[in-house]
Each structure stands twice: as C-alpha cells, then as structure tokens.
Amino acid sequence: MQQEQVIIIGAGPCGMSAAIEMKRKGLDPLLIEKGNIVNSIYHYPTHQTFFSSSEKLEIGNIPFISERQKPVRNEALTYYRAVSQREDLRINTFERVEEVSKKDHGYVLETRGEVTGDKKRYTADYLVVATGYYDQPNYMGIPGEEKEKVSHYFKEAHPYFDKEVAVIGGKNSAADAALELVKAGAHVTVLYRGSDYSGSIKPWILPQFSSLVDKGIVTMEFEADVKEITDDEIIYAVNGEEKRVANDFTFAMTGYKPDHPFIKNIGVDIDGDTGRPMFNEETMETNVSRVYVAGVIAAGYNNNEIFIENGRWHGEKIAADICKEKELTT
C-alpha cells in the first residue's frame, strides 16, 4: 500500500493549483485523475474561446501568454501541461478513485486504472476533492438517450455536414454548438423547454443565434418536452401536441452536476437545496476531518459561482490549514 501525506482527487486547474501551493510549503501531494490533466478543458469544443483573460486562468503565479485577448482551448491545454512539467507535479492520470474509507487519522483509497484495469491502494493523511463539475451530465432519463448518436459534449462540427442534428437545451453551450454546426453545414433543430431565449446566453452570441432562428436557418422549438430519441427521429411535445423531427445526431446540452455520491460516501454533508458541500470557507475543510474541497465542486449546483479564476485560490487556504495542523500535531 502506497503511503502519502496528501492526495488530491482531480487534476484540473484548481487541483493543480492546490498541489503547487502545497509543494511551495514543503508538502508533496499526489494528484489522481480519472482522465487526462485538465480533463474538463479537454472536453471543451475544439475551437472554444474562454470568457476569461489568460491572466485570470494562471495558476502558481506562472504567466499564461496568449496571442489573443482571450485564450482558446488549445492554448490552455498547452499552458497547463507546461505548468505541470515546470512544477514537477506528481499526477496519476487515467486512474479512477473507486472507494475512500476512514482509517485511524487518515484515509484509504482504492483505485482502478481506466485503461489497464489495475487496482491500487493508497493511504493519505489528508484528502482534497477537486473533481469539478463537467464530468457528470444531467441525463434526461428518456428512451434512446443511451444511443451512440447522442452526446452530452459538443467537440467539433465538421463530421455533421449535411446531417440532421438536434441540440437539446437552450443555454449558452447549446447556442454555441448550434452556431458551429450551422457553419459546418448541418441542418440544426434546437429543442428547448424554456419559453424564450435563456438569459445565460452570452450577449455576443445571442444576436447571432436569434438571427439564424429568425431567418429560418435554425429551427427553434420553445417549450419542447423531449420524449424519445429513435434511430432516425426525435419525438417531443409542445403544449401537449406530439411532434417529430428527423434526426441523425443529437447533442443533449442539458447541463452538468457535481459528483455528489462520491463525496457523500466519504461522509461529507450536502445541502439539499443548493448542492453545496458543508465546508469552512476560511480553510475549505469539510465537516469530515482532514477532507477538503477545491474548485467548482464547492459551489454545488451553481456553476456560475466558482470558476477557474476564483477556484484557483482555494489551494492557498488548504495548504495553509494543513501546514498549520501539522505544526500543532508534531
């Protein structure tokens, strides 16, 4: 069994930032990530532009130089890889933490390799959960959602040229996907359960999107209740009237949620209304001793509360608290 002082679950920007702060205070944390580093950013659309400036995405006070006012996805991937190398972070990628149990004053973690299937066990005195938000889609629970032609992530528009493509959802990610699909020559239908355009659509995207709808280039169905996805159609209802639309591919941009079952199993209390884990805002320590949260998972259901630009500072609080406790116990 491998013994560690601190294990950070999740190697996104906030988990990496926490690791850097700990290293600078003399700790040597191990990050365990079920995907690749900054896995959520990797799943962004290929040509995604960030809403934040590069300066606000920096971690460890390491400059993020971009040719643009706002960086794009590939620049961010390059930056975070470089940071990992420069800071010599210990990161186990493609390794999933399957179980965490209490032992004495620390924790035992059981993991499984996502590619190899190899199982490992670790002990840790302290645990930081930085599992993010975007790995857990909000599933609709309708027949056909499991089909291969259905995705909860939009990556690239090119494959869908001249195809009948449905986008389910009406917030910013849905509008953004629809715009890219139209540019690539797809025939796009957007099915949204809201009665009007969502206020979450960015102000520079909404005019482009609504113009395509007004011109009939994008078919927009408001108050659409999707019932089923078949091999060649989507069945939905508007005000009780059943409708069908031809469909080759579907993007269900229905949002995402934090991995509550995982942290609940550790013993962390979750507010039923907000989805926020119980934690001390001064230290980021949860109601479970020596278990901390970092990044967007601390925001619960409100993913507009914590971003990279403010979640990156959580590591300073966590590192300071762990070092303070270690001084008191030694």
Foldseek 3Di string as FASTA:
>chain_A
DAEAAEEEEAQALQSVLLQLLLVVVPGAYEYEYQADHNVVLVLAAPFAWDPDAQVLLDGPPDGQDDPDRTDTSVSVVVVSVVVCVVSVHHYHYNKAFDDWDDDDQWIKTWIARNPPRDIDIYIYNFYEYAHDKPVAFDDPPAAPCPDPLEAQTHYAQQVQAAFEEEEEAAAQVSLVSVVRNVVNHHQYEYEHLAPDHDPRHDPVRVVVSVVCCVVVSYHYDYNWAWHYDDCFWTWIDHPRRIDIDTHHHYHYNRGTFDPVVRVVSVPFDADPPFRATAADPQQQHTPDPNYGYFFQNRRGPPSVPTDSSPRSCNSNSNSVVSVVVVVVVD
